[in-house]
Amino acid sequence: MSGSSLDGLDIALCNFKIDNTPQQESLAIQSWDVEIAETVPFSEKWKERLMALHDQNALVFSKTHTYFGHYMGELVNDFVQKHKIKPDFIASHGHTVFHYPENRLTVQIGDGAALAAITGYPVVSNFRTQDIAIEGEGTPLAPLADRYLFDGFDFYLNLGGIANITCNTGKKYVAFDIGAANQVLNILAEQLDADYDDNGQFAASGKLNPDLLELVNKIPFFQKAYPKSLDNQWVQTNMVPKYMIYPCSWEDKLHTACVQLAQQIGLSAKTIVQKEKLEKDSYKMFVTGGGAHNGFLIAKIKEYCQQEFNIELVMPSKEIIEFKEAALMALLGVLRIENIPNCMHTVTGASRDTIGGAIYQGNKVFV
């Protein structure tokens, strides 16, 4: 899994024990775990290449798609050899470059055929395009993990490069992207010579700028009804410039960005409760993603979520916070291998559930 924050490639060895009864419509998981997981940082060359790819010509794009597949294959081979493991197959999300569901288009680079060729293992990749083809958003995919791996919560919040929320209404799952999270916060922290705002210390030392907050909240996406989704380029075009050029301190910008995101999370939960006619006295929200380590951001999310409803934030283990999305990719691969839907239309707005993912066999026998 390569996320929008570009911190590196998440690689995880996941084990699933399942009841694979033929013709079943859902996956019966008896047990599962993340046995080994690590993030392999991208080289500066690859980080720069991925950041600039959306502006390159078709030939450069095609080469990068292929080369990134080979590069991932080399990193996976190192991981496999280091830990002396033999996976049944590899599930790969790749790296999102374009995501325009309104044009039936989404592109995740990292050629699955190249990954299979380099590692020899079967590869399942390209999970989003089937849903996009029938007018879905192709995202979020996280509700599959919420449904199968982390049952028992009302809301699920992921604070990655982009923040998204899932809700189990009791009848169906709904989910959508909320706005930029670590993509904006990390860029602002870099102006203070840090890779990220450790525990939100910079943000905590700043103060709220009401005019900047209003400027960002007026972006039309925040008034749009769900289902809805974002891509990295939208964040770079619509949100980053507003924060970068506004005349206040970087600490104030970080403080304001945390408040803006927390407000939108609270509003998103409120919108879901009202639209889906939920009537519980209290709710539990399961929080994952790198932003969960930002203490100031979490405090603000608690504040704004509890203004309207009694919502308790639940923080899982460090491993789950950091590698939930990697486990999600493994789950999507298992569902694809078992021919069970791995994209929910109630989440994406598509006309039906789909079984997404292309399979490249490699030269090793699938177990």
Protein backbone atom coordinates (compact mmCIF):
# COMPACT_ATOMS: atom_id res chain seq x y z
CA MET A 1 0.00 0.00 0.00
CA SER A 2 1.33 3.44 -1.00
CA GLY A 3 -0.64 6.29 0.54
CA SER A 4 -1.08 9.92 -0.37
CA SER A 5 1.35 11.07 2.33
CA LEU A 6 4.23 9.49 0.31
CA ASP A 7 6.06 8.31 3.42
CA GLY A 8 6.82 4.94 1.84
CA LEU A 9 5.49 1.53 0.90
CA ASP A 10 3.55 -0.28 3.64
CA ILE A 11 4.21 -4.02 3.48
CA ALA A 12 2.39 -6.43 5.77
CA LEU A 13 2.20 -10.21 6.08
CA CYS A 14 -1.40 -10.99 7.01
CA ASN A 15 -2.90 -14.36 7.89
CA PHE A 16 -6.57 -15.18 7.29
CA LYS A 17 -8.32 -18.37 8.35
CA ILE A 18 -11.61 -18.48 6.47
CA ASP A 19 -14.62 -20.70 5.88
CA ASN A 20 -14.64 -20.78 2.09
CA THR A 21 -18.00 -22.43 1.54
CA PRO A 22 -18.75 -22.37 -2.20
CA GLN A 23 -21.21 -19.73 -3.50
CA GLN A 24 -21.25 -17.73 -0.28
CA GLU A 25 -22.08 -14.04 -0.59
CA SER A 26 -19.85 -12.83 2.24
CA LEU A 27 -16.56 -13.91 3.76
CA ALA A 28 -16.62 -15.93 6.99
CA ILE A 29 -13.36 -15.09 8.78
CA GLN A 30 -12.58 -17.42 11.66
CA SER A 31 -9.41 -15.54 12.63
CA TRP A 32 -6.90 -13.08 11.21
CA ASP A 33 -3.78 -11.16 12.21
CA VAL A 34 -1.00 -8.92 10.98
CA GLU A 35 2.07 -11.05 11.62
CA ILE A 36 4.76 -8.68 10.31
CA ALA A 37 4.45 -5.10 9.07
CA GLU A 38 6.81 -2.29 8.17
CA THR A 39 6.99 0.87 6.12
CA VAL A 40 9.86 1.01 3.63
CA PRO A 41 10.64 4.70 2.97
CA PHE A 42 10.69 5.81 -0.65
CA SER A 43 13.96 7.11 -2.02
CA GLU A 44 14.01 10.86 -2.67
CA LYS A 45 14.09 10.08 -6.39
CA TRP A 46 10.87 8.08 -6.18
CA LYS A 47 9.17 10.60 -3.90
CA GLU A 48 9.89 13.42 -6.36
CA ARG A 49 8.85 11.25 -9.28
CA LEU A 50 5.49 10.35 -7.76
CA MET A 51 4.75 13.92 -6.71
CA ALA A 52 5.34 15.26 -10.23
CA LEU A 53 3.79 12.42 -12.23
CA HIS A 54 0.39 14.01 -12.82
CA ASP A 55 2.04 16.70 -14.99
CA GLN A 56 4.16 14.35 -17.12
CA ASN A 57 3.51 13.18 -20.68
CA ALA A 58 1.98 9.83 -21.58
CA LEU A 59 5.31 8.11 -22.23
CA VAL A 60 6.81 9.18 -18.89
CA PHE A 61 3.60 8.14 -17.14
CA SER A 62 3.62 4.68 -18.76
CA LYS A 63 7.28 4.13 -17.94
CA THR A 64 6.72 5.17 -14.33
CA HIS A 65 3.74 2.81 -14.01
CA THR A 66 5.94 -0.08 -15.18
CA TYR A 67 9.06 0.91 -13.25
CA PHE A 68 7.08 1.42 -10.04
CA GLY A 69 5.77 -2.14 -10.38
CA HIS A 70 9.35 -3.39 -10.67
CA TYR A 71 10.43 -1.19 -7.74
CA MET A 72 7.64 -2.55 -5.53
CA GLY A 73 8.66 -6.05 -6.57
CA GLU A 74 12.22 -5.42 -5.40
CA LEU A 75 11.00 -4.07 -2.05
CA VAL A 76 8.68 -7.05 -1.58
CA ASN A 77 11.50 -9.47 -2.41
CA ASP A 78 13.67 -7.80 0.24
CA PHE A 79 10.79 -8.11 2.75
CA VAL A 80 10.16 -11.77 1.91
CA GLN A 81 13.84 -12.70 2.13
CA LYS A 82 14.42 -10.68 5.31
CA HIS A 83 11.59 -12.42 7.15
CA LYS A 84 11.98 -15.83 5.44
CA ILE A 85 8.31 -16.07 4.44
CA LYS A 86 6.37 -17.52 1.51
CA PRO A 87 3.06 -15.71 0.97
CA ASP A 88 0.21 -17.31 -0.96
CA PHE A 89 -0.24 -14.16 -3.02
CA ILE A 90 0.36 -10.40 -3.01
CA ALA A 91 -2.44 -7.83 -2.91
CA SER A 92 -1.28 -4.44 -4.17
CA HIS A 93 -3.09 -1.11 -4.16
CA GLY A 94 -0.32 0.77 -5.94
CA HIS A 95 -0.15 4.57 -5.82
CA THR A 96 -3.08 6.78 -6.86
CA VAL A 97 -2.17 9.42 -9.44
CA PHE A 98 -5.56 10.34 -10.94
CA HIS A 99 -8.99 9.93 -9.39
CA TYR A 100 -11.87 11.49 -11.34
CA PRO A 101 -14.92 9.28 -10.76
CA GLU A 102 -17.16 11.86 -12.45
CA ASN A 103 -15.27 10.91 -15.65
CA ARG A 104 -15.26 7.18 -14.79
CA LEU A 105 -11.52 7.40 -14.27
CA THR A 106 -9.16 6.28 -11.53
CA VAL A 107 -5.51 5.33 -11.95
CA GLN A 108 -3.26 3.56 -9.45
CA ILE A 109 0.24 3.02 -10.83
CA GLY A 110 2.45 0.04 -10.06
CA ASP A 111 2.10 -2.58 -12.79
CA GLY A 112 0.71 -5.78 -11.24
CA ALA A 113 2.26 -7.85 -14.03
CA ALA A 114 5.70 -6.44 -13.26
CA LEU A 115 5.19 -7.08 -9.53
CA ALA A 116 4.26 -10.70 -10.29
CA ALA A 117 7.22 -11.08 -12.65
CA ILE A 118 9.77 -9.77 -10.15
CA THR A 119 8.48 -11.68 -7.11
CA GLY A 120 7.11 -14.79 -8.83
CA TYR A 121 4.01 -14.69 -6.61
CA PRO A 122 0.42 -14.25 -7.83
CA VAL A 123 -0.62 -10.60 -7.62
CA VAL A 124 -4.08 -9.07 -7.21
CA SER A 125 -4.20 -5.38 -8.11
CA ASN A 126 -6.35 -2.62 -9.66
CA PHE A 127 -9.18 -2.82 -7.12
CA ARG A 128 -11.12 0.37 -7.91
CA THR A 129 -11.83 0.44 -11.65
CA GLN A 130 -14.75 -2.02 -11.74
CA ASP A 131 -16.76 0.13 -9.32
CA ILE A 132 -15.85 3.32 -11.21
CA ALA A 133 -17.07 1.72 -14.46
CA ILE A 134 -20.61 1.46 -13.08
CA GLU A 135 -20.68 5.05 -11.84
CA GLY A 136 -19.35 4.50 -8.32
CA GLU A 137 -16.75 6.63 -6.58
CA GLY A 138 -14.33 3.70 -6.37
CA THR A 139 -13.63 4.74 -2.80
CA PRO A 140 -13.48 4.50 0.17
CA LEU A 141 -12.47 0.84 0.30
CA ALA A 142 -11.84 0.97 4.07
CA PRO A 143 -15.44 -0.02 4.97
CA LEU A 144 -14.60 -3.58 3.93
CA ALA A 145 -12.03 -3.74 6.74
CA ASP A 146 -14.50 -2.09 9.09
CA ARG A 147 -17.12 -4.70 8.23
CA TYR A 148 -14.95 -7.82 8.30
CA LEU A 149 -12.04 -7.03 10.62
CA PHE A 150 -13.18 -4.37 13.11
CA ASP A 151 -16.85 -4.96 13.74
CA GLY A 152 -18.48 -3.44 16.80
CA PHE A 153 -18.16 0.32 16.24
CA ASP A 154 -20.56 2.94 14.92
CA PHE A 155 -18.04 5.17 13.17
CA TYR A 156 -14.63 4.48 11.68
CA LEU A 157 -12.28 7.39 11.05
CA ASN A 158 -9.10 7.10 9.00
CA LEU A 159 -6.62 9.97 9.27
CA GLY A 160 -4.22 9.36 6.41
CA GLY A 161 -3.15 11.81 3.73
CA ILE A 162 -6.88 12.24 3.20
CA ALA A 163 -9.39 11.70 6.03
CA ASN A 164 -12.40 9.47 5.46
CA ILE A 165 -15.26 8.28 7.63
CA THR A 166 -17.39 5.12 7.65
CA CYS A 167 -20.62 4.51 9.53
CA ASN A 168 -22.33 1.21 10.27
CA THR A 169 -25.96 2.29 10.39
CA GLY A 170 -27.14 -1.17 11.41
CA LYS A 171 -28.73 -1.64 7.98
CA LYS A 172 -25.86 -0.68 5.69
CA TYR A 173 -22.46 0.98 5.58
CA VAL A 174 -22.01 4.53 4.35
CA ALA A 175 -18.63 6.21 3.88
CA PHE A 176 -16.96 9.14 2.18
CA ASP A 177 -13.86 11.33 2.12
CA ILE A 178 -13.97 14.28 4.52
CA GLY A 179 -10.98 16.39 3.48
CA ALA A 180 -7.21 16.65 3.60
CA ALA A 181 -5.42 15.43 6.72
CA ASN A 182 -1.71 14.57 6.76
CA GLN A 183 -1.12 15.87 3.24
CA VAL A 184 -1.72 19.43 4.43
CA LEU A 185 -0.37 19.01 7.96
CA ASN A 186 2.94 17.51 6.77
CA ILE A 187 3.50 20.20 4.16
CA LEU A 188 2.97 22.90 6.78
CA ALA A 189 5.28 21.11 9.25
CA GLU A 190 7.99 20.97 6.57
CA GLN A 191 8.07 24.78 6.61
CA LEU A 192 9.24 24.44 10.22
CA ASP A 193 12.00 21.97 9.21
CA ALA A 194 10.10 18.89 10.39
CA ASP A 195 8.78 15.91 8.46
CA TYR A 196 5.55 16.07 10.46
CA ASP A 197 4.09 17.83 13.49
CA ASP A 198 5.10 15.44 16.27
CA ASN A 199 2.05 14.96 18.53
CA GLY A 200 0.69 18.27 17.20
CA GLN A 201 3.17 20.37 19.21
CA PHE A 202 3.49 23.08 16.56
CA ALA A 203 -0.28 23.28 16.16
CA ALA A 204 -0.79 23.46 19.91
CA SER A 205 1.61 26.41 20.13
CA GLY A 206 -0.32 28.36 17.49
CA LYS A 207 -3.74 29.95 17.58
CA LEU A 208 -6.86 29.79 15.46
CA ASN A 209 -7.10 32.16 12.50
CA PRO A 210 -10.89 32.57 11.94
CA ASP A 211 -10.50 34.18 8.50
CA LEU A 212 -8.31 31.33 7.21
CA LEU A 213 -10.73 28.81 8.68
CA GLU A 214 -13.65 30.44 6.89
CA LEU A 215 -11.69 30.62 3.62
CA VAL A 216 -11.00 26.87 3.63
CA ASN A 217 -14.49 25.89 4.78
CA LYS A 218 -15.99 27.77 1.82
CA ILE A 219 -14.44 25.29 -0.63
CA PRO A 220 -17.50 23.73 -2.38
CA PHE A 221 -16.49 20.13 -1.60
CA PHE A 222 -17.29 20.66 2.07
CA GLN A 223 -20.91 21.50 1.22
CA LYS A 224 -21.32 18.54 -1.16
CA ALA A 225 -23.55 15.64 -0.09
CA TYR A 226 -22.12 12.13 0.22
CA PRO A 227 -21.08 9.81 -1.39
CA LYS A 228 -18.04 11.84 -2.39
CA SER A 229 -14.32 11.31 -2.75
CA LEU A 230 -11.06 13.21 -3.20
CA ASP A 231 -7.74 12.68 -4.92
CA ASN A 232 -4.25 13.93 -4.12
CA GLN A 233 -4.22 16.48 -6.93
CA TRP A 234 -7.45 18.05 -5.65
CA VAL A 235 -5.79 18.59 -2.27
CA GLN A 236 -2.70 20.12 -3.88
CA THR A 237 -4.80 22.43 -6.05
CA ASN A 238 -7.63 23.44 -3.72
CA MET A 239 -6.36 23.30 -0.14
CA VAL A 240 -2.57 23.51 0.01
CA PRO A 241 -2.29 26.94 -1.73
CA LYS A 242 -4.81 28.52 0.65
CA TYR A 243 -2.72 27.51 3.63
CA MET A 244 0.65 28.25 2.05
CA ILE A 245 -0.02 31.84 0.95
CA TYR A 246 -2.17 33.03 3.85
CA PRO A 247 -0.32 35.71 5.88
CA CYS A 248 0.03 34.18 9.35
CA SER A 249 2.56 32.02 11.18
CA TRP A 250 3.07 28.36 10.28
CA GLU A 251 2.05 27.41 13.82
CA ASP A 252 -1.23 29.30 13.38
CA LYS A 253 -1.78 27.58 10.05
CA LEU A 254 -1.25 24.15 11.61
CA HIS A 255 -3.59 25.01 14.48
CA THR A 256 -6.24 26.23 12.03
CA ALA A 257 -5.83 23.19 9.75
CA CYS A 258 -6.39 20.84 12.72
CA VAL A 259 -9.49 22.77 13.78
CA GLN A 260 -10.82 22.81 10.19
CA LEU A 261 -10.46 19.04 9.85
CA ALA A 262 -11.92 18.40 13.31
CA GLN A 263 -14.92 20.62 12.51
CA GLN A 264 -15.56 18.75 9.26
CA ILE A 265 -15.30 15.39 11.04
CA GLY A 266 -17.87 16.54 13.61
CA LEU A 267 -20.14 17.87 10.86
CA SER A 268 -19.77 14.64 8.89
CA ALA A 269 -20.82 12.54 11.88
CA LYS A 270 -23.77 14.87 12.49
CA THR A 271 -24.83 14.69 8.82
CA ILE A 272 -24.75 10.89 8.87
CA VAL A 273 -26.74 10.67 12.10
CA GLN A 274 -29.41 13.00 10.73
CA LYS A 275 -29.58 11.62 7.18
CA GLU A 276 -29.58 7.97 8.23
CA LYS A 277 -31.97 8.70 11.15
CA LEU A 278 -29.76 7.15 13.83
CA GLU A 279 -31.14 7.35 17.35
CA LYS A 280 -28.54 5.94 19.75
CA ASP A 281 -27.69 7.68 23.01
CA SER A 282 -23.95 7.23 22.45
CA TYR A 283 -21.59 6.20 19.66
CA LYS A 284 -18.09 4.74 19.36
CA MET A 285 -15.62 5.96 16.73
CA PHE A 286 -12.62 3.74 15.81
CA VAL A 287 -9.64 5.93 14.80
CA THR A 288 -6.70 4.84 12.63
CA GLY A 289 -4.11 6.36 10.28
CA GLY A 290 -0.99 8.41 10.98
CA GLY A 291 -3.05 11.39 12.17
CA ALA A 292 -4.12 9.33 15.18
CA HIS A 293 -0.65 10.03 16.64
CA ASN A 294 -1.31 13.79 16.56
CA GLY A 295 -2.50 14.50 20.11
CA PHE A 296 -3.65 18.05 19.38
CA LEU A 297 -5.70 16.93 16.36
CA ILE A 298 -7.31 14.10 18.35
CA ALA A 299 -8.23 16.50 21.16
CA LYS A 300 -9.92 18.81 18.67
CA ILE A 301 -11.77 15.91 17.02
CA LYS A 302 -13.09 14.86 20.44
CA GLU A 303 -14.20 18.44 21.10
CA TYR A 304 -16.13 18.85 17.85
CA CYS A 305 -17.58 15.33 17.76
CA GLN A 306 -19.03 15.76 21.24
CA GLN A 307 -20.64 19.13 20.58
CA GLU A 308 -23.74 17.44 19.13
CA PHE A 309 -23.56 13.79 20.20
CA ASN A 310 -21.93 11.53 22.76
CA ILE A 311 -19.15 10.07 20.59
CA GLU A 312 -16.30 8.16 22.22
CA LEU A 313 -13.03 7.94 20.28
CA VAL A 314 -11.39 4.49 20.46
CA MET A 315 -7.68 4.20 19.66
CA PRO A 316 -6.45 0.70 18.71
CA SER A 317 -2.89 -0.61 18.91
CA LYS A 318 -0.03 1.25 17.19
CA GLU A 319 0.20 -1.58 14.65
CA ILE A 320 -3.46 -1.26 13.62
CA ILE A 321 -3.28 2.55 13.54
CA GLU A 322 -0.36 2.42 11.12
CA PHE A 323 -1.13 -0.70 9.07
CA LYS A 324 -4.91 -0.91 8.86
CA GLU A 325 -4.82 0.02 5.18
CA ALA A 326 -2.21 -2.65 4.44
CA ALA A 327 -4.45 -5.22 6.15
CA LEU A 328 -7.33 -3.85 4.10
CA MET A 329 -5.46 -4.57 0.86
CA ALA A 330 -4.81 -8.13 2.00
CA LEU A 331 -8.51 -8.52 2.76
CA LEU A 332 -9.51 -7.16 -0.66
CA GLY A 333 -7.18 -9.72 -2.22
CA VAL A 334 -8.73 -12.56 -0.21
CA LEU A 335 -12.22 -11.45 -1.26
CA ARG A 336 -11.14 -11.29 -4.90
CA ILE A 337 -9.58 -14.77 -4.77
CA GLU A 338 -12.79 -16.10 -3.20
CA ASN A 339 -14.97 -14.24 -5.78
CA ILE A 340 -16.83 -12.29 -3.09
CA PRO A 341 -17.70 -8.58 -3.56
CA ASN A 342 -14.94 -6.26 -2.31
CA CYS A 343 -16.53 -2.90 -3.12
CA MET A 344 -19.86 -1.92 -1.51
CA HIS A 345 -22.30 0.11 -3.59
CA THR A 346 -23.91 1.66 -0.49
CA VAL A 347 -20.55 3.33 0.14
CA THR A 348 -19.48 4.25 -3.40
CA GLY A 349 -22.85 5.08 -4.98
CA ALA A 350 -22.44 2.43 -7.69
CA SER A 351 -25.44 0.51 -9.02
CA ARG A 352 -24.33 -2.77 -7.40
CA ASP A 353 -21.57 -4.41 -5.40
CA THR A 354 -18.53 -5.45 -7.44
CA ILE A 355 -15.66 -7.92 -7.31
CA GLY A 356 -12.66 -5.78 -8.21
CA GLY A 357 -9.08 -6.76 -8.96
CA ALA A 358 -6.95 -8.12 -11.78
CA ILE A 359 -4.99 -11.32 -11.12
CA TYR A 360 -1.47 -11.90 -12.46
CA GLN A 361 -0.36 -15.45 -11.81
CA GLY A 362 3.45 -15.20 -11.50
CA ASN A 363 5.43 -18.42 -11.67
CA LYS A 364 4.77 -19.81 -8.20
CA VAL A 365 1.79 -22.10 -7.58
CA PHE A 366 -1.04 -20.49 -5.65
CA VAL A 367 -1.84 -22.40 -2.44
